[in-house]
Amino acid sequence: MTIPELDQFLSRAFPFIENYRYSGTADPGSSSHLMNGANLPFEALQLAYLQNEFTGDALVRKEHPEHEGLLIHIHSRFSPVESHSHDFFEMMYVRAGKVVHHIAGEEIPLSAGDFLLIAPGVCHRIDSCGENDIALNFIFSVDYLTPSFLQLISRNQLFYDFFMQRLQDGPAEKTFINVKAGRFTEVLETADKMLCEFFDPDMCSGNMLKCLFPNLLNRLFRAWKENGGDIIPRKNMDEDDMQQIMKYIEANYASASLKEAALRFGYHPDYLSRLIKSRHGITFGSLKHRICIEQAKFLLACTDLTVSQVAEHVGFSNMTFFYELFDRYCGTTPADYRNNIGQVQLQL
């Protein structure tokens, strides 16, 4: 399924779900499990979707039982969803238009590209939507949060902590997570890939979804951080962290900073500085300068860039400082290093 085909599918699917309702009180005489709204169990909701065949999901689940535990359905447009709760997680993705939620008296307006994850047991309601409002619900039970799934988001402080509080029955500080990701193309592309795999499955779709979902949550965490979300500074560093930090400096030697590295890897800048000093015996700045000078040596030996161009390429606008650092690490000037290196110059 291509993205244009997905667009067409979502539009065609709408007429089959306009009678979708939640009710805050149980209705034992109803033929649809959807009417038993309060604390609706995941199995009953899944069965209801199968019985009503909202978007061909029955075929998906009959042919691909590996989707068990994760359900994606299209949100109904024209009818409001009355106040209800359930014992599974529900994450809405607004793909177009807008949707307004109400949780604990708080109005939460969602626009295209926004995601809202609601915890089990949280009472909420949703205003009716218009013709151009397209939203998808990612529904999954607590059982879906397997150790292997959680391992893939273990560094994701936003979602990992949110899930662990429910698994451990601890005090829940948050009842929902709202991430505005409309400007983050990779987030939206990952979400759309999940929709394509779910609604147009093949023999690999179940495993693809198991990979794509934690990928989506990790990308949402990045978007949340870039939007100014606060993270709790970490207090322990493992060897993998240090290797990743070194790769970050090597890949971004011209612009790398202690503040950016601390934000990327979830440490307080002062704490990260002390850790690097204890592991390498030098400061973050000295470590970065050493990598920059090594790159400058390569450029001097293997390209015809001028010395000022080399300095600019490795992040130095102050030529006096560049010369001082180069002499400190190499014991010579950049020009003398190039003249004495004895290697054939190559065009960059």
Protein backbone atom coordinates (compact mmCIF):
# COMPACT_ATOMS: atom_id res chain seq x y z
CA MET A 1 0.00 0.00 0.00
CA THR A 2 1.38 3.39 -1.03
CA ILE A 3 0.64 6.61 0.83
CA PRO A 4 -1.86 7.78 -1.85
CA GLU A 5 -3.54 4.37 -1.59
CA LEU A 6 -3.63 4.77 2.19
CA ASP A 7 -5.32 8.15 1.77
CA GLN A 8 -7.97 6.61 -0.45
CA PHE A 9 -8.47 3.68 1.90
CA LEU A 10 -9.01 5.91 4.93
CA SER A 11 -11.53 8.01 3.03
CA ARG A 12 -13.44 4.96 1.78
CA ALA A 13 -13.48 3.34 5.22
CA PHE A 14 -15.29 6.19 6.93
CA PRO A 15 -18.89 5.35 5.90
CA PHE A 16 -18.64 2.00 7.69
CA ILE A 17 -17.93 3.47 11.12
CA GLU A 18 -20.32 6.39 11.48
CA ASN A 19 -22.53 4.41 13.88
CA TYR A 20 -19.64 3.94 16.32
CA ARG A 21 -20.59 4.85 19.90
CA TYR A 22 -19.23 4.61 23.39
CA SER A 23 -21.62 4.68 26.33
CA GLY A 24 -20.70 5.42 29.91
CA THR A 25 -23.12 2.80 31.24
CA ALA A 26 -23.35 -0.87 30.38
CA ASP A 27 -26.16 -2.00 28.13
CA PRO A 28 -26.45 -5.80 28.47
CA GLY A 29 -29.14 -5.94 25.78
CA SER A 30 -26.97 -4.35 23.14
CA SER A 31 -25.81 -6.47 20.23
CA SER A 32 -22.55 -4.57 20.08
CA HIS A 33 -19.80 -4.82 22.69
CA LEU A 34 -18.99 -1.20 21.91
CA MET A 35 -22.03 -0.12 23.93
CA ASN A 36 -20.50 -1.56 27.11
CA GLY A 37 -18.30 1.48 27.50
CA ALA A 38 -17.11 1.66 31.10
CA ASN A 39 -13.86 -0.25 31.65
CA LEU A 40 -14.29 -2.08 28.38
CA PRO A 41 -11.75 -4.95 28.26
CA PHE A 42 -9.36 -5.23 25.33
CA GLU A 43 -10.72 -8.62 24.24
CA ALA A 44 -14.29 -7.30 24.10
CA LEU A 45 -13.25 -4.26 22.10
CA GLN A 46 -11.33 -6.45 19.69
CA LEU A 47 -14.33 -8.76 19.30
CA ALA A 48 -16.57 -5.76 18.68
CA TYR A 49 -14.39 -4.59 15.84
CA LEU A 50 -14.49 -8.07 14.35
CA GLN A 51 -18.28 -8.24 14.58
CA ASN A 52 -18.88 -4.79 13.11
CA GLU A 53 -16.10 -5.07 10.51
CA PHE A 54 -15.36 -1.36 10.61
CA THR A 55 -12.46 -1.21 8.13
CA GLY A 56 -11.82 -4.76 7.05
CA ASP A 57 -9.99 -5.38 10.32
CA ALA A 58 -11.75 -8.74 10.70
CA LEU A 59 -9.94 -10.04 7.65
CA VAL A 60 -6.64 -8.69 8.95
CA ARG A 61 -6.97 -10.48 12.25
CA LYS A 62 -8.29 -13.76 10.84
CA GLU A 63 -5.49 -14.01 8.31
CA HIS A 64 -2.73 -12.57 10.52
CA PRO A 65 -3.18 -13.54 14.19
CA GLU A 66 0.33 -12.23 14.95
CA HIS A 67 -1.32 -8.78 15.16
CA GLU A 68 -2.84 -9.92 18.45
CA GLY A 69 -2.39 -7.26 21.12
CA LEU A 70 -2.21 -4.29 18.74
CA LEU A 71 -5.28 -2.87 17.05
CA ILE A 72 -5.54 0.19 14.80
CA HIS A 73 -8.94 1.60 13.98
CA ILE A 74 -10.24 4.72 12.30
CA HIS A 75 -11.90 7.23 14.59
CA SER A 76 -15.53 8.07 13.83
CA ARG A 77 -16.14 11.61 12.62
CA PHE A 78 -19.62 12.94 13.08
CA SER A 79 -20.69 11.53 16.45
CA PRO A 80 -19.15 12.58 19.78
CA VAL A 81 -17.64 9.90 21.98
CA GLU A 82 -19.21 10.14 25.40
CA SER A 83 -17.27 9.90 28.65
CA HIS A 84 -15.74 6.44 29.03
CA SER A 85 -12.69 4.52 30.23
CA HIS A 86 -11.08 1.18 29.37
CA ASP A 87 -8.34 -1.10 30.62
CA PHE A 88 -6.04 -0.81 27.60
CA PHE A 89 -3.75 1.91 26.26
CA GLU A 90 -5.08 4.10 23.46
CA MET A 91 -2.93 6.43 21.36
CA MET A 92 -4.67 8.71 18.88
CA TYR A 93 -2.80 9.95 15.81
CA VAL A 94 -4.48 12.89 14.08
CA ARG A 95 -3.52 12.48 10.44
CA ALA A 96 -5.57 15.41 9.13
CA GLY A 97 -7.83 18.09 10.53
CA LYS A 98 -8.39 18.33 14.25
CA VAL A 99 -9.87 16.40 17.19
CA VAL A 100 -10.72 17.72 20.67
CA HIS A 101 -10.37 15.48 23.74
CA HIS A 102 -11.52 16.18 27.29
CA ILE A 103 -9.63 14.56 30.20
CA ALA A 104 -10.30 15.42 33.84
CA GLY A 105 -11.89 18.73 32.90
CA GLU A 106 -8.99 19.70 30.63
CA GLU A 107 -9.66 20.40 26.97
CA ILE A 108 -6.93 18.98 24.73
CA PRO A 109 -7.15 20.18 21.12
CA LEU A 110 -5.21 18.01 18.67
CA SER A 111 -4.14 19.11 15.19
CA ALA A 112 -2.66 17.20 12.26
CA GLY A 113 0.50 15.41 13.36
CA ASP A 114 -0.42 15.35 17.05
CA PHE A 115 -0.37 12.16 19.14
CA LEU A 116 -2.25 11.58 22.40
CA LEU A 117 -1.56 8.47 24.51
CA ILE A 118 -4.15 7.77 27.23
CA ALA A 119 -3.51 5.37 30.10
CA PRO A 120 -5.89 2.58 31.12
CA GLY A 121 -8.65 3.62 33.48
CA VAL A 122 -8.57 7.30 32.51
CA CYS A 123 -12.02 8.73 31.87
CA HIS A 124 -12.19 10.85 28.72
CA ARG A 125 -14.55 12.04 26.03
CA ILE A 126 -14.13 13.31 22.46
CA ASP A 127 -16.03 15.99 20.56
CA SER A 128 -17.57 15.16 17.20
CA CYS A 129 -15.31 15.61 14.20
CA GLY A 130 -15.84 17.09 10.76
CA GLU A 131 -15.66 15.65 7.28
CA ASN A 132 -11.96 16.45 6.82
CA ASP A 133 -10.81 15.21 10.25
CA ILE A 134 -8.93 11.92 10.02
CA ALA A 135 -7.66 10.24 13.19
CA LEU A 136 -6.41 6.73 13.96
CA ASN A 137 -6.39 4.96 17.33
CA PHE A 138 -3.51 2.65 18.21
CA ILE A 139 -4.94 0.32 20.85
CA PHE A 140 -2.85 -2.18 22.79
CA SER A 141 -3.19 -4.10 26.02
CA VAL A 142 -0.76 -4.17 28.94
CA ASP A 143 0.28 -7.64 27.76
CA TYR A 144 1.66 -6.06 24.60
CA LEU A 145 4.38 -4.41 26.72
CA THR A 146 6.68 -7.43 26.71
CA PRO A 147 10.27 -7.27 28.05
CA SER A 148 11.61 -7.26 24.50
CA PHE A 149 9.30 -4.36 23.55
CA LEU A 150 10.26 -2.37 26.65
CA GLN A 151 13.95 -3.00 26.00
CA LEU A 152 13.63 -1.19 22.66
CA ILE A 153 12.35 1.94 24.41
CA SER A 154 14.37 1.61 27.62
CA ARG A 155 16.18 4.93 27.02
CA ASN A 156 12.91 6.65 26.14
CA GLN A 157 12.15 8.41 29.40
CA LEU A 158 8.79 9.73 28.26
CA PHE A 159 7.05 6.50 27.23
CA TYR A 160 9.10 3.94 29.15
CA ASP A 161 8.41 5.60 32.50
CA PHE A 162 4.73 6.07 31.56
CA PHE A 163 4.35 2.34 30.84
CA MET A 164 6.40 1.15 33.81
CA GLN A 165 4.25 3.10 36.27
CA ARG A 166 1.24 1.09 35.08
CA LEU A 167 3.06 -2.23 35.05
CA GLN A 168 4.38 -1.73 38.57
CA ASP A 169 1.13 -0.29 39.96
CA GLY A 170 3.04 2.71 41.25
CA PRO A 171 1.74 6.26 41.63
CA ALA A 172 0.94 7.65 38.20
CA GLU A 173 2.10 11.24 37.73
CA LYS A 174 0.67 11.40 34.21
CA THR A 175 -2.60 10.10 32.85
CA PHE A 176 -1.82 11.01 29.25
CA ILE A 177 1.01 12.08 26.94
CA ASN A 178 0.49 14.68 24.22
CA VAL A 179 3.22 15.10 21.58
CA LYS A 180 2.95 17.66 18.79
CA ALA A 181 4.87 16.08 15.92
CA GLY A 182 3.41 17.79 12.86
CA ARG A 183 6.77 19.23 11.80
CA PHE A 184 8.67 15.98 12.32
CA THR A 185 8.53 14.17 9.00
CA GLU A 186 10.16 10.97 10.26
CA VAL A 187 7.51 10.57 12.95
CA LEU A 188 4.64 10.91 10.49
CA GLU A 189 6.30 8.61 7.95
CA THR A 190 6.78 5.92 10.61
CA ALA A 191 3.14 6.20 11.70
CA ASP A 192 1.98 5.90 8.10
CA LYS A 193 4.19 2.84 7.59
CA MET A 194 2.42 1.22 10.53
CA LEU A 195 -0.97 2.01 9.00
CA CYS A 196 0.07 0.49 5.68
CA GLU A 197 1.35 -2.67 7.36
CA PHE A 198 -1.82 -3.04 9.43
CA PHE A 199 -4.44 -2.33 6.80
CA ASP A 200 -2.62 -4.00 3.89
CA PRO A 201 -0.72 -6.88 5.56
CA ASP A 202 1.46 -9.66 4.24
CA MET A 203 3.36 -12.46 5.95
CA CYS A 204 5.92 -10.02 7.38
CA SER A 205 3.52 -7.35 8.63
CA GLY A 206 3.21 -8.67 12.17
CA ASN A 207 6.96 -8.50 12.74
CA MET A 208 7.17 -5.17 10.93
CA LEU A 209 4.63 -3.70 13.35
CA LYS A 210 6.58 -5.03 16.32
CA CYS A 211 9.62 -3.15 15.00
CA LEU A 212 7.84 0.00 13.84
CA PHE A 213 5.86 0.68 17.01
CA PRO A 214 8.83 1.12 19.38
CA ASN A 215 10.51 3.03 16.54
CA LEU A 216 7.52 5.39 16.47
CA LEU A 217 7.61 5.88 20.25
CA ASN A 218 11.34 6.66 20.17
CA ARG A 219 10.86 9.18 17.37
CA LEU A 220 8.01 10.77 19.34
CA PHE A 221 10.35 11.05 22.33
CA ARG A 222 12.87 12.91 20.16
CA ALA A 223 10.14 15.22 18.89
CA TRP A 224 8.97 15.84 22.45
CA LYS A 225 12.52 16.75 23.52
CA GLU A 226 12.98 19.11 20.57
CA ASN A 227 9.68 20.76 21.50
CA GLY A 228 11.18 21.61 24.90
CA GLY A 229 10.19 18.57 26.94
CA ASP A 230 12.18 18.20 30.16
CA ILE A 231 13.96 14.95 30.92
CA ILE A 232 15.30 13.74 34.24
CA PRO A 233 19.12 13.75 34.14
CA ARG A 234 20.52 10.24 34.28
CA LYS A 235 23.01 9.31 36.98
CA ASN A 236 24.67 6.23 35.56
CA MET A 237 26.62 5.74 32.36
CA ASP A 238 27.37 2.41 30.71
CA GLU A 239 30.00 1.65 28.08
CA ASP A 240 27.47 1.81 25.28
CA ASP A 241 26.66 5.41 26.24
CA MET A 242 30.30 6.42 26.07
CA GLN A 243 30.71 4.79 22.67
CA GLN A 244 27.63 6.58 21.36
CA ILE A 245 28.88 9.92 22.73
CA MET A 246 32.23 9.40 21.01
CA LYS A 247 30.43 8.64 17.73
CA TYR A 248 28.38 11.80 18.18
CA ILE A 249 31.53 13.92 18.59
CA GLU A 250 33.26 12.25 15.64
CA ALA A 251 30.23 12.78 13.40
CA ASN A 252 29.63 16.38 14.52
CA TYR A 253 33.16 17.50 15.38
CA ALA A 254 32.68 20.99 13.93
CA SER A 255 29.54 21.80 15.91
CA ALA A 256 29.45 19.34 18.84
CA SER A 257 28.91 20.88 22.26
CA LEU A 258 28.73 19.59 25.80
CA LYS A 259 25.21 20.99 26.21
CA GLU A 260 23.94 19.27 23.05
CA ALA A 261 25.61 15.96 23.96
CA ALA A 262 24.07 16.09 27.45
CA LEU A 263 20.62 16.76 25.97
CA ARG A 264 20.96 13.97 23.41
CA PHE A 265 21.95 11.33 25.95
CA GLY A 266 19.97 12.48 28.98
CA TYR A 267 22.68 13.79 31.33
CA HIS A 268 23.23 17.03 33.16
CA PRO A 269 26.09 18.86 31.39
CA ASP A 270 28.20 19.13 34.54
CA TYR A 271 27.75 15.44 35.30
CA LEU A 272 28.61 14.43 31.73
CA SER A 273 31.70 16.62 31.83
CA ARG A 274 32.92 14.87 34.99
CA LEU A 275 32.23 11.45 33.51
CA ILE A 276 34.22 12.18 30.35
CA LYS A 277 37.09 13.56 32.40
CA SER A 278 37.13 10.44 34.59
CA ARG A 279 36.96 8.05 31.59
CA HIS A 280 39.39 9.82 29.22
CA GLY A 281 41.46 12.04 31.48
CA ILE A 282 40.57 15.14 29.45
CA THR A 283 37.63 17.50 29.23
CA PHE A 284 34.88 17.37 26.62
CA GLY A 285 36.36 20.45 24.96
CA SER A 286 39.82 18.91 24.73
CA LEU A 287 38.37 15.68 23.37
CA LYS A 288 36.50 17.61 20.68
CA HIS A 289 39.60 19.67 19.80
CA ARG A 290 41.69 16.54 19.43
CA ILE A 291 39.17 15.06 16.98
CA CYS A 292 38.99 18.37 15.07
CA ILE A 293 42.75 18.55 14.68
CA GLU A 294 42.90 14.94 13.49
CA GLN A 295 40.32 15.81 10.83
CA ALA A 296 42.29 18.95 9.92
CA LYS A 297 45.44 16.84 9.46
CA PHE A 298 43.55 14.56 7.08
CA LEU A 299 42.26 17.51 5.05
CA LEU A 300 45.69 19.11 4.86
CA ALA A 301 47.26 15.88 3.67
CA CYS A 302 44.59 14.72 1.24
CA THR A 303 42.91 17.82 -0.21
CA ASP A 304 43.92 21.13 -1.79
CA LEU A 305 41.78 23.22 0.58
CA THR A 306 43.54 26.30 1.91
CA VAL A 307 44.49 26.41 5.58
CA SER A 308 41.66 28.87 6.31
CA GLN A 309 39.19 26.61 4.50
CA VAL A 310 40.40 23.63 6.53
CA ALA A 311 40.01 25.59 9.76
CA GLU A 312 36.48 26.62 8.82
CA HIS A 313 35.59 23.06 7.80
CA VAL A 314 36.52 21.70 11.24
CA GLY A 315 34.67 24.43 13.10
CA PHE A 316 37.20 27.22 13.76
CA SER A 317 36.44 30.81 12.80
CA ASN A 318 39.33 32.18 14.89
CA MET A 319 42.49 31.42 12.90
CA THR A 320 44.80 32.40 15.78
CA PHE A 321 43.16 29.81 18.03
CA PHE A 322 43.32 27.20 15.26
CA TYR A 323 47.07 27.77 14.81
CA GLU A 324 47.62 27.56 18.57
CA LEU A 325 45.73 24.26 18.84
CA PHE A 326 47.42 22.78 15.80
CA ASP A 327 50.86 23.62 17.19
CA ARG A 328 49.86 22.19 20.58
CA TYR A 329 48.82 18.83 19.13
CA CYS A 330 51.22 18.56 16.17
CA GLY A 331 54.23 20.68 17.12
CA THR A 332 54.20 22.50 13.80
CA THR A 333 52.14 24.84 11.65
CA PRO A 334 49.41 23.62 9.27
CA ALA A 335 51.43 24.75 6.25
CA ASP A 336 54.58 22.94 7.37
CA TYR A 337 52.55 19.83 8.16
CA ARG A 338 51.17 19.83 4.62
CA ASN A 339 54.57 20.42 3.03
CA ASN A 340 56.29 17.68 5.03
CA ILE A 341 53.60 15.01 5.02
CA GLY A 342 54.90 13.54 1.73
CA GLN A 343 51.50 12.27 0.54
CA VAL A 344 49.80 12.77 -2.81
CA GLN A 345 47.05 15.38 -2.57
CA LEU A 346 43.59 14.31 -3.65
CA GLN A 347 40.71 16.50 -4.76
CA LEU A 348 38.03 16.69 -2.02
